[in-house]
Amino acid sequence: MLRLKNNKYIHMKILTIIISIIALGLMLFNFTKVNFNAPFEGESTIALITILASLCVILMMAVLRISKRIEQKVKGRH
């Protein structure tokens, strides 16, 4: 049973890393779409919003990985 739970943790860790990489790719792509002469006009605004959303996703995935690591350590004590 312990092995199955550990396997789920590994799959979730891989999934969160993949989601973070996709978010990083979207962030880099949208960074190229920003017009630095007028960053809050037209498509630049959409690109900035998407960059901010990608940063949020990366942060949330990091928090999820850390919380699951803490959960595993707490369960290991009992």
PDB file of N, CA and C in Angstrom:
ATOM      1  N   MET A   1       0.814  -1.195   0.000  1.00  0.00           N
ATOM      2  CA  MET A   1       0.000   0.000   0.000  1.00  0.00           C
ATOM      3  C   MET A   1       0.860   1.261   0.000  1.00  0.00           C
ATOM      4  N   LEU A   2       1.961   1.255   0.736  1.00  0.00           N
ATOM      5  CA  LEU A   2       2.844   2.406   0.788  1.00  0.00           C
ATOM      6  C   LEU A   2       3.446   2.681  -0.584  1.00  0.00           C
ATOM      7  N   ARG A   3       3.773   1.635  -1.298  1.00  0.00           N
ATOM      8  CA  ARG A   3       4.370   1.794  -2.622  1.00  0.00           C
ATOM      9  C   ARG A   3       3.387   2.472  -3.580  1.00  0.00           C
ATOM     10  N   LEU A   4       2.108   2.124  -3.501  1.00  0.00           N
ATOM     11  CA  LEU A   4       1.095   2.724  -4.366  1.00  0.00           C
ATOM     12  C   LEU A   4       0.958   4.211  -4.071  1.00  0.00           C
ATOM     13  N   LYS A   5       0.962   4.585  -2.806  1.00  0.00           N
ATOM     14  CA  LYS A   5       0.859   5.996  -2.445  1.00  0.00           C
ATOM     15  C   LYS A   5       2.077   6.760  -2.922  1.00  0.00           C
ATOM     16  N   ASN A   6       3.245   6.195  -2.801  1.00  0.00           N
ATOM     17  CA  ASN A   6       4.456   6.851  -3.249  1.00  0.00           C
ATOM     18  C   ASN A   6       4.445   7.016  -4.764  1.00  0.00           C
ATOM     19  N   ASN A   7       3.889   6.033  -5.466  1.00  0.00           N
ATOM     20  CA  ASN A   7       3.782   6.090  -6.919  1.00  0.00           C
ATOM     21  C   ASN A   7       2.860   7.235  -7.344  1.00  0.00           C
ATOM     22  N   LYS A   8       1.766   7.446  -6.618  1.00  0.00           N
ATOM     23  CA  LYS A   8       0.860   8.559  -6.915  1.00  0.00           C
ATOM     24  C   LYS A   8       1.580   9.891  -6.734  1.00  0.00           C
ATOM     25  N   TYR A   9       2.396   9.967  -5.690  1.00  0.00           N
ATOM     26  CA  TYR A   9       3.148  11.196  -5.439  1.00  0.00           C
ATOM     27  C   TYR A   9       4.097  11.486  -6.591  1.00  0.00           C
ATOM     28  N   ILE A  10       4.761  10.465  -7.095  1.00  0.00           N
ATOM     29  CA  ILE A  10       5.706  10.643  -8.193  1.00  0.00           C
ATOM     30  C   ILE A  10       4.979  11.098  -9.451  1.00  0.00           C
ATOM     31  N   HIS A  11       3.821  10.494  -9.741  1.00  0.00           N
ATOM     32  CA  HIS A  11       3.053  10.905 -10.922  1.00  0.00           C
ATOM     33  C   HIS A  11       2.587  12.350 -10.799  1.00  0.00           C
ATOM     34  N   MET A  12       2.140  12.732  -9.609  1.00  0.00           N
ATOM     35  CA  MET A  12       1.693  14.106  -9.422  1.00  0.00           C
ATOM     36  C   MET A  12       2.866  15.082  -9.544  1.00  0.00           C
ATOM     37  N   LYS A  13       4.021  14.690  -9.028  1.00  0.00           N
ATOM     38  CA  LYS A  13       5.197  15.543  -9.118  1.00  0.00           C
ATOM     39  C   LYS A  13       5.579  15.758 -10.580  1.00  0.00           C
ATOM     40  N   ILE A  14       5.555  14.692 -11.365  1.00  0.00           N
ATOM     41  CA  ILE A  14       5.872  14.798 -12.792  1.00  0.00           C
ATOM     42  C   ILE A  14       4.852  15.688 -13.494  1.00  0.00           C
ATOM     43  N   LEU A  15       3.567  15.528 -13.165  1.00  0.00           N
ATOM     44  CA  LEU A  15       2.521  16.341 -13.776  1.00  0.00           C
ATOM     45  C   LEU A  15       2.691  17.817 -13.434  1.00  0.00           C
ATOM     46  N   THR A  16       3.005  18.126 -12.185  1.00  0.00           N
ATOM     47  CA  THR A  16       3.190  19.527 -11.816  1.00  0.00           C
ATOM     48  C   THR A  16       4.410  20.130 -12.506  1.00  0.00           C
ATOM     49  N   ILE A  17       5.450  19.335 -12.696  1.00  0.00           N
ATOM     50  CA  ILE A  17       6.629  19.828 -13.417  1.00  0.00           C
ATOM     51  C   ILE A  17       6.282  20.092 -14.878  1.00  0.00           C
ATOM     52  N   ILE A  18       5.516  19.192 -15.496  1.00  0.00           N
ATOM     53  CA  ILE A  18       5.117  19.380 -16.898  1.00  0.00           C
ATOM     54  C   ILE A  18       4.252  20.631 -17.042  1.00  0.00           C
ATOM     55  N   ILE A  19       3.312  20.820 -16.127  1.00  0.00           N
ATOM     56  CA  ILE A  19       2.453  22.007 -16.174  1.00  0.00           C
ATOM     57  C   ILE A  19       3.292  23.276 -16.001  1.00  0.00           C
ATOM     58  N   SER A  20       4.282  23.227 -15.121  1.00  0.00           N
ATOM     59  CA  SER A  20       5.160  24.381 -14.913  1.00  0.00           C
ATOM     60  C   SER A  20       5.975  24.697 -16.165  1.00  0.00           C
ATOM     61  N   ILE A  21       6.442  23.661 -16.848  1.00  0.00           N
ATOM     62  CA  ILE A  21       7.216  23.859 -18.079  1.00  0.00           C
ATOM     63  C   ILE A  21       6.338  24.464 -19.173  1.00  0.00           C
ATOM     64  N   ILE A  22       5.096  23.989 -19.286  1.00  0.00           N
ATOM     65  CA  ILE A  22       4.166  24.558 -20.272  1.00  0.00           C
ATOM     66  C   ILE A  22       3.902  26.027 -19.955  1.00  0.00           C
ATOM     67  N   ALA A  23       3.702  26.337 -18.675  1.00  0.00           N
ATOM     68  CA  ALA A  23       3.471  27.729 -18.276  1.00  0.00           C
ATOM     69  C   ALA A  23       4.687  28.595 -18.586  1.00  0.00           C
ATOM     70  N   LEU A  24       5.879  28.060 -18.358  1.00  0.00           N
ATOM     71  CA  LEU A  24       7.095  28.801 -18.668  1.00  0.00           C
ATOM     72  C   LEU A  24       7.200  29.059 -20.168  1.00  0.00           C
ATOM     73  N   GLY A  25       6.850  28.057 -20.973  1.00  0.00           N
ATOM     74  CA  GLY A  25       6.856  28.232 -22.428  1.00  0.00           C
ATOM     75  C   GLY A  25       5.878  29.300 -22.878  1.00  0.00           C
ATOM     76  N   LEU A  26       4.668  29.276 -22.302  1.00  0.00           N
ATOM     77  CA  LEU A  26       3.684  30.316 -22.637  1.00  0.00           C
ATOM     78  C   LEU A  26       4.171  31.692 -22.225  1.00  0.00           C
ATOM     79  N   MET A  27       4.823  31.749 -21.081  1.00  0.00           N
ATOM     80  CA  MET A  27       5.335  33.030 -20.597  1.00  0.00           C
ATOM     81  C   MET A  27       6.405  33.571 -21.555  1.00  0.00           C
ATOM     82  N   LEU A  28       7.321  32.719 -21.972  1.00  0.00           N
ATOM     83  CA  LEU A  28       8.369  33.160 -22.897  1.00  0.00           C
ATOM     84  C   LEU A  28       7.791  33.568 -24.253  1.00  0.00           C
ATOM     85  N   PHE A  29       6.810  32.801 -24.734  1.00  0.00           N
ATOM     86  CA  PHE A  29       6.177  33.138 -26.006  1.00  0.00           C
ATOM     87  C   PHE A  29       5.493  34.500 -25.932  1.00  0.00           C
ATOM     88  N   ASN A  30       4.750  34.738 -24.865  1.00  0.00           N
ATOM     89  CA  ASN A  30       4.041  36.001 -24.732  1.00  0.00           C
ATOM     90  C   ASN A  30       4.976  37.170 -24.449  1.00  0.00           C
ATOM     91  N   PHE A  31       6.131  36.883 -23.874  1.00  0.00           N
ATOM     92  CA  PHE A  31       7.122  37.933 -23.652  1.00  0.00           C
ATOM     93  C   PHE A  31       7.583  38.517 -24.985  1.00  0.00           C
ATOM     94  N   THR A  32       7.617  37.679 -26.035  1.00  0.00           N
ATOM     95  CA  THR A  32       8.015  38.170 -27.357  1.00  0.00           C
ATOM     96  C   THR A  32       6.916  39.005 -28.000  1.00  0.00           C
ATOM     97  N   LYS A  33       5.682  38.902 -27.514  1.00  0.00           N
ATOM     98  CA  LYS A  33       4.555  39.637 -28.078  1.00  0.00           C
ATOM     99  C   LYS A  33       4.366  41.023 -27.464  1.00  0.00           C
ATOM    100  N   VAL A  34       5.101  41.311 -26.381  1.00  0.00           N
ATOM    101  CA  VAL A  34       4.940  42.594 -25.705  1.00  0.00           C
ATOM    102  C   VAL A  34       5.649  43.685 -26.505  1.00  0.00           C
ATOM    103  N   ASN A  35       4.928  44.755 -26.773  1.00  0.00           N
ATOM    104  CA  ASN A  35       5.503  45.944 -27.403  1.00  0.00           C
ATOM    105  C   ASN A  35       5.967  46.850 -26.270  1.00  0.00           C
ATOM    106  N   PHE A  36       7.268  46.959 -26.068  1.00  0.00           N
ATOM    107  CA  PHE A  36       7.795  47.697 -24.933  1.00  0.00           C
ATOM    108  C   PHE A  36       7.645  49.210 -25.088  1.00  0.00           C
ATOM    109  N   ASN A  37       7.352  49.675 -26.297  1.00  0.00           N
ATOM    110  CA  ASN A  37       7.082  51.105 -26.498  1.00  0.00           C
ATOM    111  C   ASN A  37       5.691  51.473 -25.994  1.00  0.00           C
ATOM    112  N   ALA A  38       4.759  50.534 -26.065  1.00  0.00           N
ATOM    113  CA  ALA A  38       3.386  50.742 -25.583  1.00  0.00           C
ATOM    114  C   ALA A  38       2.895  49.436 -24.953  1.00  0.00           C
ATOM    115  N   PRO A  39       3.354  49.103 -23.739  1.00  0.00           N
ATOM    116  CA  PRO A  39       3.046  47.796 -23.158  1.00  0.00           C
ATOM    117  C   PRO A  39       1.590  47.608 -22.732  1.00  0.00           C
ATOM    118  N   PHE A  40       0.833  48.683 -22.582  1.00  0.00           N
ATOM    119  CA  PHE A  40      -0.552  48.556 -22.122  1.00  0.00           C
ATOM    120  C   PHE A  40      -1.559  48.862 -23.225  1.00  0.00           C
ATOM    121  N   GLU A  41      -1.174  48.636 -24.459  1.00  0.00           N
ATOM    122  CA  GLU A  41      -2.071  48.874 -25.592  1.00  0.00           C
ATOM    123  C   GLU A  41      -2.151  47.627 -26.459  1.00  0.00           C
ATOM    124  N   GLY A  42      -3.352  47.320 -26.909  1.00  0.00           N
ATOM    125  CA  GLY A  42      -3.581  46.232 -27.854  1.00  0.00           C
ATOM    126  C   GLY A  42      -3.183  44.865 -27.338  1.00  0.00           C
ATOM    127  N   GLU A  43      -2.469  44.140 -28.203  1.00  0.00           N
ATOM    128  CA  GLU A  43      -2.088  42.764 -27.875  1.00  0.00           C
ATOM    129  C   GLU A  43      -1.051  42.687 -26.762  1.00  0.00           C
ATOM    130  N   SER A  44      -0.346  43.782 -26.510  1.00  0.00           N
ATOM    131  CA  SER A  44       0.632  43.779 -25.427  1.00  0.00           C
ATOM    132  C   SER A  44      -0.051  43.565 -24.079  1.00  0.00           C
ATOM    133  N   THR A  45      -1.242  44.130 -23.918  1.00  0.00           N
ATOM    134  CA  THR A  45      -1.982  43.949 -22.671  1.00  0.00           C
ATOM    135  C   THR A  45      -2.325  42.487 -22.458  1.00  0.00           C
ATOM    136  N   ILE A  46      -2.785  41.831 -23.501  1.00  0.00           N
ATOM    137  CA  ILE A  46      -3.125  40.413 -23.421  1.00  0.00           C
ATOM    138  C   ILE A  46      -1.878  39.596 -23.099  1.00  0.00           C
ATOM    139  N   ALA A  47      -0.767  39.951 -23.722  1.00  0.00           N
ATOM    140  CA  ALA A  47       0.484  39.237 -23.456  1.00  0.00           C
ATOM    141  C   ALA A  47       0.921  39.420 -22.005  1.00  0.00           C
ATOM    142  N   LEU A  48       0.791  40.623 -21.470  1.00  0.00           N
ATOM    143  CA  LEU A  48       1.168  40.870 -20.069  1.00  0.00           C
ATOM    144  C   LEU A  48       0.271  40.097 -19.105  1.00  0.00           C
ATOM    145  N   ILE A  49      -1.025  40.044 -19.403  1.00  0.00           N
ATOM    146  CA  ILE A  49      -1.958  39.283 -18.561  1.00  0.00           C
ATOM    147  C   ILE A  49      -1.603  37.800 -18.589  1.00  0.00           C
ATOM    148  N   THR A  50      -1.265  37.289 -19.766  1.00  0.00           N
ATOM    149  CA  THR A  50      -0.903  35.875 -19.896  1.00  0.00           C
ATOM    150  C   THR A  50       0.416  35.576 -19.179  1.00  0.00           C
ATOM    151  N   ILE A  51       1.353  36.513 -19.232  1.00  0.00           N
ATOM    152  CA  ILE A  51       2.612  36.338 -18.501  1.00  0.00           C
ATOM    153  C   ILE A  51       2.336  36.265 -17.006  1.00  0.00           C
ATOM    154  N   LEU A  52       1.489  37.151 -16.519  1.00  0.00           N
ATOM    155  CA  LEU A  52       1.135  37.149 -15.095  1.00  0.00           C
ATOM    156  C   LEU A  52       0.420  35.851 -14.707  1.00  0.00           C
ATOM    157  N   ALA A  53      -0.487  35.383 -15.561  1.00  0.00           N
ATOM    158  CA  ALA A  53      -1.198  34.124 -15.291  1.00  0.00           C
ATOM    159  C   ALA A  53      -0.222  32.945 -15.273  1.00  0.00           C
ATOM    160  N   SER A  54       0.746  32.955 -16.164  1.00  0.00           N
ATOM    161  CA  SER A  54       1.746  31.878 -16.196  1.00  0.00           C
ATOM    162  C   SER A  54       2.593  31.879 -14.928  1.00  0.00           C
ATOM    163  N   LEU A  55       2.956  33.062 -14.464  1.00  0.00           N
ATOM    164  CA  LEU A  55       3.700  33.157 -13.210  1.00  0.00           C
ATOM    165  C   LEU A  55       2.890  32.607 -12.042  1.00  0.00           C
ATOM    166  N   CYS A  56       1.585  32.889 -12.045  1.00  0.00           N
ATOM    167  CA  CYS A  56       0.711  32.359 -10.991  1.00  0.00           C
ATOM    168  C   CYS A  56       0.651  30.840 -11.024  1.00  0.00           C
ATOM    169  N   VAL A  57       0.572  30.274 -12.214  1.00  0.00           N
ATOM    170  CA  VAL A  57       0.526  28.815 -12.350  1.00  0.00           C
ATOM    171  C   VAL A  57       1.822  28.190 -11.839  1.00  0.00           C
ATOM    172  N   ILE A  58       2.949  28.773 -12.200  1.00  0.00           N
ATOM    173  CA  ILE A  58       4.234  28.244 -11.738  1.00  0.00           C
ATOM    174  C   ILE A  58       4.313  28.306 -10.220  1.00  0.00           C
ATOM    175  N   LEU A  59       3.874  29.402  -9.633  1.00  0.00           N
ATOM    176  CA  LEU A  59       3.876  29.545  -8.176  1.00  0.00           C
ATOM    177  C   LEU A  59       2.946  28.528  -7.509  1.00  0.00           C
ATOM    178  N   MET A  60       1.753  28.345  -8.075  1.00  0.00           N
ATOM    179  CA  MET A  60       0.807  27.380  -7.500  1.00  0.00           C
ATOM    180  C   MET A  60       1.337  25.953  -7.582  1.00  0.00           C
ATOM    181  N   MET A  61       1.994  25.603  -8.665  1.00  0.00           N
ATOM    182  CA  MET A  61       2.547  24.254  -8.793  1.00  0.00           C
ATOM    183  C   MET A  61       3.682  24.047  -7.792  1.00  0.00           C
ATOM    184  N   ALA A  62       4.475  25.077  -7.551  1.00  0.00           N
ATOM    185  CA  ALA A  62       5.543  24.968  -6.558  1.00  0.00           C
ATOM    186  C   ALA A  62       4.959  24.778  -5.160  1.00  0.00           C
ATOM    187  N   VAL A  63       3.912  25.540  -4.840  1.00  0.00           N
ATOM    188  CA  VAL A  63       3.260  25.400  -3.537  1.00  0.00           C
ATOM    189  C   VAL A  63       2.652  24.008  -3.394  1.00  0.00           C
ATOM    190  N   LEU A  64       2.037  23.491  -4.445  1.00  0.00           N
ATOM    191  CA  LEU A  64       1.452  22.153  -4.396  1.00  0.00           C
ATOM    192  C   LEU A  64       2.513  21.087  -4.148  1.00  0.00           C
ATOM    193  N   ARG A  65       3.647  21.193  -4.857  1.00  0.00           N
ATOM    194  CA  ARG A  65       4.723  20.217  -4.649  1.00  0.00           C
ATOM    195  C   ARG A  65       5.258  20.272  -3.221  1.00  0.00           C
ATOM    196  N   ILE A  66       5.431  21.476  -2.700  1.00  0.00           N
ATOM    197  CA  ILE A  66       5.942  21.622  -1.335  1.00  0.00           C
ATOM    198  C   ILE A  66       4.942  21.078  -0.322  1.00  0.00           C
ATOM    199  N   SER A  67       3.655  21.384  -0.518  1.00  0.00           N
ATOM    200  CA  SER A  67       2.647  20.902   0.436  1.00  0.00           C
ATOM    201  C   SER A  67       2.540  19.380   0.417  1.00  0.00           C
ATOM    202  N   LYS A  68       2.653  18.774  -0.741  1.00  0.00           N
ATOM    203  CA  LYS A  68       2.608  17.307  -0.819  1.00  0.00           C
ATOM    204  C   LYS A  68       3.849  16.690  -0.184  1.00  0.00           C
ATOM    205  N   ARG A  69       4.990  17.343  -0.328  1.00  0.00           N
ATOM    206  CA  ARG A  69       6.209  16.845   0.313  1.00  0.00           C
ATOM    207  C   ARG A  69       6.070  16.905   1.838  1.00  0.00           C
ATOM    208  N   ILE A  70       5.497  17.997   2.336  1.00  0.00           N
ATOM    209  CA  ILE A  70       5.258  18.122   3.776  1.00  0.00           C
ATOM    210  C   ILE A  70       4.265  17.071   4.236  1.00  0.00           C
ATOM    211  N   GLU A  71       3.203  16.862   3.460  1.00  0.00           N
ATOM    212  CA  GLU A  71       2.195  15.850   3.811  1.00  0.00           C
ATOM    213  C   GLU A  71       2.825  14.468   3.896  1.00  0.00           C
ATOM    214  N   GLN A  72       3.704  14.156   2.975  1.00  0.00           N
ATOM    215  CA  GLN A  72       4.371  12.846   2.992  1.00  0.00           C
ATOM    216  C   GLN A  72       5.250  12.682   4.225  1.00  0.00           C
ATOM    217  N   LYS A  73       5.957  13.737   4.603  1.00  0.00           N
ATOM    218  CA  LYS A  73       6.827  13.660   5.772  1.00  0.00           C
ATOM    219  C   LYS A  73       6.013  13.524   7.052  1.00  0.00           C
ATOM    220  N   VAL A  74       4.866  14.213   7.140  1.00  0.00           N
ATOM    221  CA  VAL A  74       4.018  14.121   8.317  1.00  0.00           C
ATOM    222  C   VAL A  74       3.416  12.720   8.425  1.00  0.00           C
ATOM    223  N   LYS A  75       2.982  12.154   7.313  1.00  0.00           N
ATOM    224  CA  LYS A  75       2.420  10.800   7.335  1.00  0.00           C
ATOM    225  C   LYS A  75       3.481   9.769   7.658  1.00  0.00           C
ATOM    226  N   GLY A  76       4.720  10.052   7.305  1.00  0.00           N
ATOM    227  CA  GLY A  76       5.820   9.129   7.583  1.00  0.00           C
ATOM    228  C   GLY A  76       6.128   9.029   9.070  1.00  0.00           C
ATOM    229  N   ARG A  77       5.789  10.048   9.827  1.00  0.00           N
ATOM    230  CA  ARG A  77       6.051  10.051  11.272  1.00  0.00           C
ATOM    231  C   ARG A  77       5.069   9.167  12.014  1.00  0.00           C
ATOM    232  N   HIS A  78       3.863   9.005  11.482  1.00  0.00           N
ATOM    233  CA  HIS A  78       2.826   8.265  12.199  1.00  0.00           C
ATOM    234  C   HIS A  78       2.860   6.801  11.879  1.00  0.00           C
TER     235      HIS A  78
END
